[in-house]
Amino acid sequence: AIPTAFFTFRLYGPYFAIGTWVVAEVVRLLLAQWKALGGGTGTS
């Protein structure tokens, strides 16, 4: 949250809302590459 706050807090109103969604998508795509935890298909 610390680095994401540095980015998103520069945005206001609807831009803040969109910015938080973009951050979530970036983190999702990065973790989908984590092969040790199943990559895009996941793990148990």
All heavy atoms as atom14 arrays in JSON, in Angstrom:
{
  "sequence": "AIPTAFFTFRLYGPYFAIGTWVVAEVVRLLLAQWKALGGGTGTS",
  "atom14_mask": [
    [1, 1, 1, 1, 1, 0, 0, 0, 0, 0, 0, 0, 0, 0],
    [1, 1, 1, 1, 1, 1, 1, 1, 0, 0, 0, 0, 0, 0],
    [1, 1, 1, 1, 1, 1, 1, 0, 0, 0, 0, 0, 0, 0],
    [1, 1, 1, 1, 1, 1, 1, 0, 0, 0, 0, 0, 0, 0],
    [1, 1, 1, 1, 1, 0, 0, 0, 0, 0, 0, 0, 0, 0],
    [1, 1, 1, 1, 1, 1, 1, 1, 1, 1, 1, 0, 0, 0],
    [1, 1, 1, 1, 1, 1, 1, 1, 1, 1, 1, 0, 0, 0],
    [1, 1, 1, 1, 1, 1, 1, 0, 0, 0, 0, 0, 0, 0],
    [1, 1, 1, 1, 1, 1, 1, 1, 1, 1, 1, 0, 0, 0],
    [1, 1, 1, 1, 1, 1, 1, 1, 1, 1, 1, 0, 0, 0],
    [1, 1, 1, 1, 1, 1, 1, 1, 0, 0, 0, 0, 0, 0],
    [1, 1, 1, 1, 1, 1, 1, 1, 1, 1, 1, 1, 0, 0],
    [1, 1, 1, 1, 0, 0, 0, 0, 0, 0, 0, 0, 0, 0],
    [1, 1, 1, 1, 1, 1, 1, 0, 0, 0, 0, 0, 0, 0],
    [1, 1, 1, 1, 1, 1, 1, 1, 1, 1, 1, 1, 0, 0],
    [1, 1, 1, 1, 1, 1, 1, 1, 1, 1, 1, 0, 0, 0],
    [1, 1, 1, 1, 1, 0, 0, 0, 0, 0, 0, 0, 0, 0],
    [1, 1, 1, 1, 1, 1, 1, 1, 0, 0, 0, 0, 0, 0],
    [1, 1, 1, 1, 0, 0, 0, 0, 0, 0, 0, 0, 0, 0],
    [1, 1, 1, 1, 1, 1, 1, 0, 0, 0, 0, 0, 0, 0],
    [1, 1, 1, 1, 1, 1, 1, 1, 1, 1, 1, 1, 1, 1],
    [1, 1, 1, 1, 1, 1, 1, 0, 0, 0, 0, 0, 0, 0],
    [1, 1, 1, 1, 1, 1, 1, 0, 0, 0, 0, 0, 0, 0],
    [1, 1, 1, 1, 1, 0, 0, 0, 0, 0, 0, 0, 0, 0],
    [1, 1, 1, 1, 1, 1, 1, 1, 1, 0, 0, 0, 0, 0],
    [1, 1, 1, 1, 1, 1, 1, 0, 0, 0, 0, 0, 0, 0],
    [1, 1, 1, 1, 1, 1, 1, 0, 0, 0, 0, 0, 0, 0],
    [1, 1, 1, 1, 1, 1, 1, 1, 1, 1, 1, 0, 0, 0],
    [1, 1, 1, 1, 1, 1, 1, 1, 0, 0, 0, 0, 0, 0],
    [1, 1, 1, 1, 1, 1, 1, 1, 0, 0, 0, 0, 0, 0],
    [1, 1, 1, 1, 1, 1, 1, 1, 0, 0, 0, 0, 0, 0],
    [1, 1, 1, 1, 1, 0, 0, 0, 0, 0, 0, 0, 0, 0],
    [1, 1, 1, 1, 1, 1, 1, 1, 1, 0, 0, 0, 0, 0],
    [1, 1, 1, 1, 1, 1, 1, 1, 1, 1, 1, 1, 1, 1],
    [1, 1, 1, 1, 1, 1, 1, 1, 1, 0, 0, 0, 0, 0],
    [1, 1, 1, 1, 1, 0, 0, 0, 0, 0, 0, 0, 0, 0],
    [1, 1, 1, 1, 1, 1, 1, 1, 0, 0, 0, 0, 0, 0],
    [1, 1, 1, 1, 0, 0, 0, 0, 0, 0, 0, 0, 0, 0],
    [1, 1, 1, 1, 0, 0, 0, 0, 0, 0, 0, 0, 0, 0],
    [1, 1, 1, 1, 0, 0, 0, 0, 0, 0, 0, 0, 0, 0],
    [1, 1, 1, 1, 1, 1, 1, 0, 0, 0, 0, 0, 0, 0],
    [1, 1, 1, 1, 0, 0, 0, 0, 0, 0, 0, 0, 0, 0],
    [1, 1, 1, 1, 1, 1, 1, 0, 0, 0, 0, 0, 0, 0],
    [1, 1, 1, 1, 1, 1, 0, 0, 0, 0, 0, 0, 0, 0]
  ],
  "atom14_positions": [
    [[0.81, -1.22, 0.0], [0.0, 0.0, 0.0], [0.85, 1.27, 0.0], [0.41, 2.31, -0.5], [-0.93, 0.0, 1.21], [0.0, 0.0, 0.0], [0.0, 0.0, 0.0], [0.0, 0.0, 0.0], [0.0, 0.0, 0.0], [0.0, 0.0, 0.0], [0.0, 0.0, 0.0], [0.0, 0.0, 0.0], [0.0, 0.0, 0.0], [0.0, 0.0, 0.0]],
    [[2.05, 1.19, 0.56], [2.88, 2.4, 0.65], [3.24, 2.94, -0.73], [2.98, 4.12, -1.02], [4.13, 2.12, 1.5], [3.71, 1.88, 2.96], [5.1, 3.3, 1.43], [4.85, 1.4, 3.85], [0.0, 0.0, 0.0], [0.0, 0.0, 0.0], [0.0, 0.0, 0.0], [0.0, 0.0, 0.0], [0.0, 0.0, 0.0], [0.0, 0.0, 0.0]],
    [[3.82, 2.14, -1.64], [4.11, 2.69, -2.97], [2.84, 2.97, -3.79], [2.83, 3.92, -4.58], [4.96, 1.61, -3.63], [4.64, 0.36, -2.9], [4.35, 0.77, -1.49], [0.0, 0.0, 0.0], [0.0, 0.0, 0.0], [0.0, 0.0, 0.0], [0.0, 0.0, 0.0], [0.0, 0.0, 0.0], [0.0, 0.0, 0.0], [0.0, 0.0, 0.0]],
    [[1.79, 2.16, -3.62], [0.57, 2.42, -4.4], [-0.09, 3.72, -3.94], [-0.67, 4.44, -4.75], [-0.42, 1.25, -4.28], [-0.74, 1.02, -2.9], [0.17, -0.01, -4.87], [0.0, 0.0, 0.0], [0.0, 0.0, 0.0], [0.0, 0.0, 0.0], [0.0, 0.0, 0.0], [0.0, 0.0, 0.0], [0.0, 0.0, 0.0], [0.0, 0.0, 0.0]],
    [[0.0, 4.02, -2.62], [-0.54, 5.29, -2.13], [0.21, 6.47, -2.74], [-0.38, 7.5, -3.09], [-0.46, 5.34, -0.61], [0.0, 0.0, 0.0], [0.0, 0.0, 0.0], [0.0, 0.0, 0.0], [0.0, 0.0, 0.0], [0.0, 0.0, 0.0], [0.0, 0.0, 0.0], [0.0, 0.0, 0.0], [0.0, 0.0, 0.0], [0.0, 0.0, 0.0]],
    [[1.53, 6.33, -2.88], [2.35, 7.39, -3.47], [1.86, 7.7, -4.89], [1.84, 8.85, -5.32], [3.81, 6.96, -3.5], [4.73, 7.97, -4.13], [5.15, 9.07, -3.41], [5.15, 7.81, -5.44], [5.99, 10.02, -3.99], [5.99, 8.75, -6.03], [6.4, 9.86, -5.3], [0.0, 0.0, 0.0], [0.0, 0.0, 0.0], [0.0, 0.0, 0.0]],
    [[1.42, 6.65, -5.6], [0.93, 6.84, -6.97], [-0.52, 7.33, -6.99], [-0.84, 8.34, -7.62], [1.06, 5.52, -7.74], [0.31, 5.5, -9.03], [0.71, 6.25, -10.12], [-0.84, 4.72, -9.16], [0.0, 6.23, -11.32], [-1.56, 4.69, -10.34], [-1.14, 5.44, -11.43], [0.0, 0.0, 0.0], [0.0, 0.0, 0.0], [0.0, 0.0, 0.0]],
    [[-1.4, 6.64, -6.29], [-2.84, 6.93, -6.41], [-3.23, 8.24, -5.74], [-4.19, 8.88, -6.16], [-3.67, 5.78, -5.82], [-3.27, 5.54, -4.46], [-3.48, 4.51, -6.63], [0.0, 0.0, 0.0], [0.0, 0.0, 0.0], [0.0, 0.0, 0.0], [0.0, 0.0, 0.0], [0.0, 0.0, 0.0], [0.0, 0.0, 0.0], [0.0, 0.0, 0.0]],
    [[-2.5, 8.66, -4.7], [-2.87, 9.88, -4.0], [-2.55, 11.14, -4.82], [-2.91, 12.24, -4.41], [-2.17, 9.95, -2.65], [-2.87, 9.17, -1.57], [-3.7, 8.11, -1.9], [-2.69, 9.46, -0.24], [-4.36, 7.38, -0.93], [-3.33, 8.74, 0.75], [-4.16, 7.69, 0.4], [0.0, 0.0, 0.0], [0.0, 0.0, 0.0], [0.0, 0.0, 0.0]],
    [[-1.91, 10.97, -5.93], [-1.72, 12.1, -6.85], [-2.94, 12.29, -7.75], [-2.98, 13.24, -8.53], [-0.47, 11.87, -7.7], [0.82, 11.83, -6.9], [2.0, 11.43, -7.74], [3.23, 11.42, -6.96], [4.05, 12.45, -6.82], [3.78, 13.59, -7.44], [5.13, 12.36, -6.07], [0.0, 0.0, 0.0], [0.0, 0.0, 0.0], [0.0, 0.0, 0.0]],
    [[-3.9, 11.38, -7.63], [-5.11, 11.42, -8.45], [-6.29, 11.8, -7.57], [-6.3, 11.55, -6.37], [-5.35, 10.05, -9.11], [-4.17, 9.47, -9.9], [-4.48, 8.05, -10.33], [-3.85, 10.34, -11.1], [0.0, 0.0, 0.0], [0.0, 0.0, 0.0], [0.0, 0.0, 0.0], [0.0, 0.0, 0.0], [0.0, 0.0, 0.0], [0.0, 0.0, 0.0]],
    [[-7.32, 12.36, -8.19], [-8.49, 12.8, -7.44], [-9.77, 12.32, -8.12], [-9.81, 12.15, -9.34], [-8.51, 14.33, -7.32], [-7.36, 14.88, -6.49], [-6.17, 15.25, -7.1], [-7.47, 14.99, -5.11], [-5.1, 15.74, -6.35], [-6.41, 15.48, -4.35], [-5.24, 15.85, -4.97], [-4.2, 16.32, -4.22], [0.0, 0.0, 0.0], [0.0, 0.0, 0.0]],
    [[-10.8, 12.1, -7.27], [-12.12, 11.76, -7.79], [-12.11, 10.47, -8.6], [-11.55, 9.45, -8.19], [0.0, 0.0, 0.0], [0.0, 0.0, 0.0], [0.0, 0.0, 0.0], [0.0, 0.0, 0.0], [0.0, 0.0, 0.0], [0.0, 0.0, 0.0], [0.0, 0.0, 0.0], [0.0, 0.0, 0.0], [0.0, 0.0, 0.0], [0.0, 0.0, 0.0]],
    [[-12.73, 10.51, -9.78], [-12.8, 9.3, -10.61], [-11.42, 8.81, -11.06], [-11.25, 7.61, -11.31], [-13.65, 9.74, -11.81], [-13.55, 11.23, -11.85], [-13.42, 11.65, -10.42], [0.0, 0.0, 0.0], [0.0, 0.0, 0.0], [0.0, 0.0, 0.0], [0.0, 0.0, 0.0], [0.0, 0.0, 0.0], [0.0, 0.0, 0.0], [0.0, 0.0, 0.0]],
    [[-10.45, 9.71, -11.16], [-9.11, 9.3, -11.55], [-8.48, 8.43, -10.46], [-7.71, 7.5, -10.75], [-8.25, 10.52, -11.84], [-8.8, 11.37, -12.96], [-9.48, 12.56, -12.69], [-8.66, 10.98, -14.29], [-9.99, 13.34, -13.72], [-9.17, 11.75, -15.32], [-9.84, 12.92, -15.02], [-10.36, 13.68, -16.05], [0.0, 0.0, 0.0], [0.0, 0.0, 0.0]],
    [[-8.77, 8.75, -9.2], [-8.29, 7.91, -8.1], [-8.9, 6.53, -8.19], [-8.2, 5.51, -8.02], [-8.63, 8.56, -6.75], [-8.28, 7.7, -5.56], [-6.99, 7.72, -5.03], [-9.22, 6.87, -4.98], [-6.66, 6.93, -3.94], [-8.9, 6.07, -3.89], [-7.61, 6.1, -3.37], [0.0, 0.0, 0.0], [0.0, 0.0, 0.0], [0.0, 0.0, 0.0]],
    [[-10.21, 6.46, -8.45], [-10.89, 5.16, -8.55], [-10.28, 4.32, -9.67], [-9.99, 3.13, -9.49], [-12.38, 5.38, -8.79], [0.0, 0.0, 0.0], [0.0, 0.0, 0.0], [0.0, 0.0, 0.0], [0.0, 0.0, 0.0], [0.0, 0.0, 0.0], [0.0, 0.0, 0.0], [0.0, 0.0, 0.0], [0.0, 0.0, 0.0], [0.0, 0.0, 0.0]],
    [[-10.09, 4.93, -10.83], [-9.5, 4.21, -11.96], [-8.06, 3.8, -11.64], [-7.62, 2.69, -11.97], [-9.55, 5.07, -13.23], [-11.01, 5.31, -13.64], [-8.79, 4.41, -14.37], [-11.18, 6.32, -14.75], [0.0, 0.0, 0.0], [0.0, 0.0, 0.0], [0.0, 0.0, 0.0], [0.0, 0.0, 0.0], [0.0, 0.0, 0.0], [0.0, 0.0, 0.0]],
    [[-7.32, 4.68, -10.98], [-5.94, 4.38, -10.62], [-5.83, 3.17, -9.72], [-4.92, 2.33, -9.89], [0.0, 0.0, 0.0], [0.0, 0.0, 0.0], [0.0, 0.0, 0.0], [0.0, 0.0, 0.0], [0.0, 0.0, 0.0], [0.0, 0.0, 0.0], [0.0, 0.0, 0.0], [0.0, 0.0, 0.0], [0.0, 0.0, 0.0], [0.0, 0.0, 0.0]],
    [[-6.73, 3.05, -8.75], [-6.68, 1.88, -7.86], [-6.99, 0.6, -8.62], [-6.4, -0.45, -8.34], [-7.68, 2.04, -6.69], [-9.01, 2.24, -7.21], [-7.31, 3.24, -5.83], [0.0, 0.0, 0.0], [0.0, 0.0, 0.0], [0.0, 0.0, 0.0], [0.0, 0.0, 0.0], [0.0, 0.0, 0.0], [0.0, 0.0, 0.0], [0.0, 0.0, 0.0]],
    [[-7.91, 0.67, -9.58], [-8.22, -0.52, -10.39], [-7.02, -0.91, -11.25], [-6.7, -2.1, -11.4], [-9.44, -0.24, -11.26], [-9.76, -1.37, -12.2], [-10.37, -2.55, -11.89], [-9.46, -1.42, -13.6], [-10.48, -3.33, -13.02], [-9.93, -2.67, -14.08], [-8.85, -0.53, -14.49], [-9.8, -3.04, -15.4], [-8.72, -0.91, -15.81], [-9.19, -2.15, -16.26]],
    [[-6.34, 0.08, -11.82], [-5.16, -0.2, -12.64], [-4.08, -0.88, -11.8], [-3.45, -1.87, -12.24], [-4.62, 1.1, -13.28], [-3.25, 0.86, -13.92], [-5.61, 1.63, -14.31], [0.0, 0.0, 0.0], [0.0, 0.0, 0.0], [0.0, 0.0, 0.0], [0.0, 0.0, 0.0], [0.0, 0.0, 0.0], [0.0, 0.0, 0.0], [0.0, 0.0, 0.0]],
    [[-3.85, -0.39, -10.59], [-2.86, -1.0, -9.71], [-3.22, -2.46, -9.43], [-2.35, -3.35, -9.46], [-2.76, -0.21, -8.39], [-1.96, -0.99, -7.34], [-2.12, 1.14, -8.63], [0.0, 0.0, 0.0], [0.0, 0.0, 0.0], [0.0, 0.0, 0.0], [0.0, 0.0, 0.0], [0.0, 0.0, 0.0], [0.0, 0.0, 0.0], [0.0, 0.0, 0.0]],
    [[-4.5, -2.72, -9.18], [-4.94, -4.09, -8.91], [-4.68, -5.0, -10.1], [-4.24, -6.15, -9.95], [-6.42, -4.1, -8.54], [0.0, 0.0, 0.0], [0.0, 0.0, 0.0], [0.0, 0.0, 0.0], [0.0, 0.0, 0.0], [0.0, 0.0, 0.0], [0.0, 0.0, 0.0], [0.0, 0.0, 0.0], [0.0, 0.0, 0.0], [0.0, 0.0, 0.0]],
    [[-4.93, -4.5, -11.31], [-4.71, -5.31, -12.51], [-3.22, -5.58, -12.73], [-2.83, -6.68, -13.13], [-5.3, -4.6, -13.73], [-6.82, -4.68, -13.81], [-7.3, -6.12, -13.88], [-7.04, -6.78, -14.91], [-7.93, -6.58, -12.91], [0.0, 0.0, 0.0], [0.0, 0.0, 0.0], [0.0, 0.0, 0.0], [0.0, 0.0, 0.0], [0.0, 0.0, 0.0]],
    [[-2.39, -4.59, -12.46], [-0.94, -4.77, -12.61], [-0.44, -5.85, -11.65], [0.33, -6.75, -12.03], [-0.2, -3.45, -12.37], [1.31, -3.68, -12.28], [-0.5, -2.46, -13.49], [0.0, 0.0, 0.0], [0.0, 0.0, 0.0], [0.0, 0.0, 0.0], [0.0, 0.0, 0.0], [0.0, 0.0, 0.0], [0.0, 0.0, 0.0], [0.0, 0.0, 0.0]],
    [[-0.87, -5.78, -10.39], [-0.44, -6.78, -9.4], [-0.96, -8.17, -9.79], [-0.24, -9.17, -9.66], [-0.92, -6.38, -7.99], [-0.58, -7.47, -6.98], [-0.29, -5.06, -7.58], [0.0, 0.0, 0.0], [0.0, 0.0, 0.0], [0.0, 0.0, 0.0], [0.0, 0.0, 0.0], [0.0, 0.0, 0.0], [0.0, 0.0, 0.0], [0.0, 0.0, 0.0]],
    [[-2.19, -8.24, -10.29], [-2.74, -9.53, -10.72], [-1.9, -10.14, -11.84], [-1.57, -11.33, -11.82], [-4.19, -9.37, -11.19], [-4.84, -10.66, -11.67], [-6.23, -10.42, -12.21], [-6.21, -9.67, -13.47], [-6.01, -10.23, -14.66], [-5.81, -11.54, -14.77], [-6.01, -9.48, -15.75], [0.0, 0.0, 0.0], [0.0, 0.0, 0.0], [0.0, 0.0, 0.0]],
    [[-1.56, -9.33, -12.82], [-0.77, -9.84, -13.95], [0.63, -10.27, -13.51], [1.16, -11.27, -14.01], [-0.67, -8.75, -15.03], [-1.99, -8.41, -15.75], [-1.81, -7.21, -16.66], [-2.49, -9.62, -16.55], [0.0, 0.0, 0.0], [0.0, 0.0, 0.0], [0.0, 0.0, 0.0], [0.0, 0.0, 0.0], [0.0, 0.0, 0.0], [0.0, 0.0, 0.0]],
    [[1.2, -9.55, -12.56], [2.52, -9.93, -12.06], [2.47, -11.27, -11.31], [3.32, -12.15, -11.53], [3.08, -8.83, -11.17], [3.49, -7.53, -11.86], [3.9, -6.49, -10.83], [4.64, -7.78, -12.84], [0.0, 0.0, 0.0], [0.0, 0.0, 0.0], [0.0, 0.0, 0.0], [0.0, 0.0, 0.0], [0.0, 0.0, 0.0], [0.0, 0.0, 0.0]],
    [[1.47, -11.43, -10.45], [1.38, -12.66, -9.68], [0.97, -13.84, -10.55], [1.26, -14.99, -10.2], [0.4, -12.49, -8.52], [0.9, -11.59, -7.38], [-0.17, -11.39, -6.33], [2.16, -12.17, -6.74], [0.0, 0.0, 0.0], [0.0, 0.0, 0.0], [0.0, 0.0, 0.0], [0.0, 0.0, 0.0], [0.0, 0.0, 0.0], [0.0, 0.0, 0.0]],
    [[0.31, -13.57, -11.66], [-0.05, -14.65, -12.59], [1.2, -15.27, -13.23], [1.13, -16.37, -13.8], [-0.99, -14.13, -13.67], [0.0, 0.0, 0.0], [0.0, 0.0, 0.0], [0.0, 0.0, 0.0], [0.0, 0.0, 0.0], [0.0, 0.0, 0.0], [0.0, 0.0, 0.0], [0.0, 0.0, 0.0], [0.0, 0.0, 0.0], [0.0, 0.0, 0.0]],
    [[2.34, -14.58, -13.13], [3.59, -15.11, -13.67], [4.38, -15.91, -12.63], [5.44, -16.45, -12.95], [4.47, -13.95, -14.18], [3.77, -12.96, -15.09], [3.11, -13.64, -16.28], [3.71, -14.48, -16.94], [1.87, -13.25, -16.56], [0.0, 0.0, 0.0], [0.0, 0.0, 0.0], [0.0, 0.0, 0.0], [0.0, 0.0, 0.0], [0.0, 0.0, 0.0]],
    [[3.87, -15.99, -11.41], [4.58, -16.66, -10.32], [4.38, -18.16, -10.46], [3.42, -18.73, -9.95], [4.07, -16.16, -8.97], [4.96, -16.49, -7.82], [6.11, -17.22, -7.83], [4.76, -16.08, -6.46], [6.65, -17.3, -6.58], [5.85, -16.61, -5.71], [3.8, -15.32, -5.81], [5.97, -16.42, -4.34], [3.92, -15.12, -4.45], [4.99, -15.65, -3.72]],
    [[5.29, -18.82, -11.16], [5.14, -20.25, -11.46], [5.15, -21.11, -10.21], [4.52, -22.17, -10.18], [6.27, -20.69, -12.4], [6.3, -19.94, -13.74], [5.01, -20.12, -14.51], [5.08, -19.41, -15.86], [3.79, -19.53, -16.61], [0.0, 0.0, 0.0], [0.0, 0.0, 0.0], [0.0, 0.0, 0.0], [0.0, 0.0, 0.0], [0.0, 0.0, 0.0]],
    [[5.87, -20.69, -9.18], [5.94, -21.49, -7.96], [4.58, -21.65, -7.3], [4.35, -22.6, -6.54], [6.93, -20.86, -6.98], [0.0, 0.0, 0.0], [0.0, 0.0, 0.0], [0.0, 0.0, 0.0], [0.0, 0.0, 0.0], [0.0, 0.0, 0.0], [0.0, 0.0, 0.0], [0.0, 0.0, 0.0], [0.0, 0.0, 0.0], [0.0, 0.0, 0.0]],
    [[3.66, -20.71, -7.57], [2.3, -20.79, -7.02], [1.27, -21.01, -8.12], [0.13, -20.55, -8.03], [1.97, -19.52, -6.22], [2.76, -19.37, -4.92], [2.36, -18.09, -4.2], [2.55, -20.57, -4.0], [0.0, 0.0, 0.0], [0.0, 0.0, 0.0], [0.0, 0.0, 0.0], [0.0, 0.0, 0.0], [0.0, 0.0, 0.0], [0.0, 0.0, 0.0]],
    [[1.67, -21.73, -9.17], [0.71, -22.17, -10.17], [0.52, -21.25, -11.35], [-0.26, -21.57, -12.25], [0.0, 0.0, 0.0], [0.0, 0.0, 0.0], [0.0, 0.0, 0.0], [0.0, 0.0, 0.0], [0.0, 0.0, 0.0], [0.0, 0.0, 0.0], [0.0, 0.0, 0.0], [0.0, 0.0, 0.0], [0.0, 0.0, 0.0], [0.0, 0.0, 0.0]],
    [[1.17, -20.07, -11.37], [1.0, -19.16, -12.49], [-0.44, -18.74, -12.68], [-1.16, -18.44, -11.72], [0.0, 0.0, 0.0], [0.0, 0.0, 0.0], [0.0, 0.0, 0.0], [0.0, 0.0, 0.0], [0.0, 0.0, 0.0], [0.0, 0.0, 0.0], [0.0, 0.0, 0.0], [0.0, 0.0, 0.0], [0.0, 0.0, 0.0], [0.0, 0.0, 0.0]],
    [[-0.89, -18.74, -13.93], [-2.24, -18.28, -14.23], [-3.33, -19.25, -13.82], [-4.5, -18.85, -13.67], [0.0, 0.0, 0.0], [0.0, 0.0, 0.0], [0.0, 0.0, 0.0], [0.0, 0.0, 0.0], [0.0, 0.0, 0.0], [0.0, 0.0, 0.0], [0.0, 0.0, 0.0], [0.0, 0.0, 0.0], [0.0, 0.0, 0.0], [0.0, 0.0, 0.0]],
    [[-3.0, -20.51, -13.6], [-4.03, -21.49, -13.22], [-4.2, -21.62, -11.72], [-5.2, -22.18, -11.25], [-3.69, -22.87, -13.81], [-2.4, -23.28, -13.33], [-3.68, -22.82, -15.32], [0.0, 0.0, 0.0], [0.0, 0.0, 0.0], [0.0, 0.0, 0.0], [0.0, 0.0, 0.0], [0.0, 0.0, 0.0], [0.0, 0.0, 0.0], [0.0, 0.0, 0.0]],
    [[-3.22, -21.15, -10.95], [-3.35, -21.19, -9.5], [-2.86, -22.49, -8.89], [-2.32, -23.37, -9.58], [0.0, 0.0, 0.0], [0.0, 0.0, 0.0], [0.0, 0.0, 0.0], [0.0, 0.0, 0.0], [0.0, 0.0, 0.0], [0.0, 0.0, 0.0], [0.0, 0.0, 0.0], [0.0, 0.0, 0.0], [0.0, 0.0, 0.0], [0.0, 0.0, 0.0]],
    [[-3.07, -22.64, -7.6], [-2.61, -23.81, -6.87], [-3.47, -24.01, -5.63], [-4.34, -23.19, -5.33], [-1.13, -23.64, -6.47], [-0.65, -24.86, -5.91], [-0.96, -22.52, -5.44], [0.0, 0.0, 0.0], [0.0, 0.0, 0.0], [0.0, 0.0, 0.0], [0.0, 0.0, 0.0], [0.0, 0.0, 0.0], [0.0, 0.0, 0.0], [0.0, 0.0, 0.0]],
    [[-3.19, -25.09, -4.9], [-3.92, -25.4, -3.67], [-2.96, -25.45, -2.49], [-1.75, -25.71, -2.67], [-4.64, -26.75, -3.79], [-5.58, -26.74, -4.84], [0.0, 0.0, 0.0], [0.0, 0.0, 0.0], [0.0, 0.0, 0.0], [0.0, 0.0, 0.0], [0.0, 0.0, 0.0], [0.0, 0.0, 0.0], [0.0, 0.0, 0.0], [0.0, 0.0, 0.0]]
  ]
}
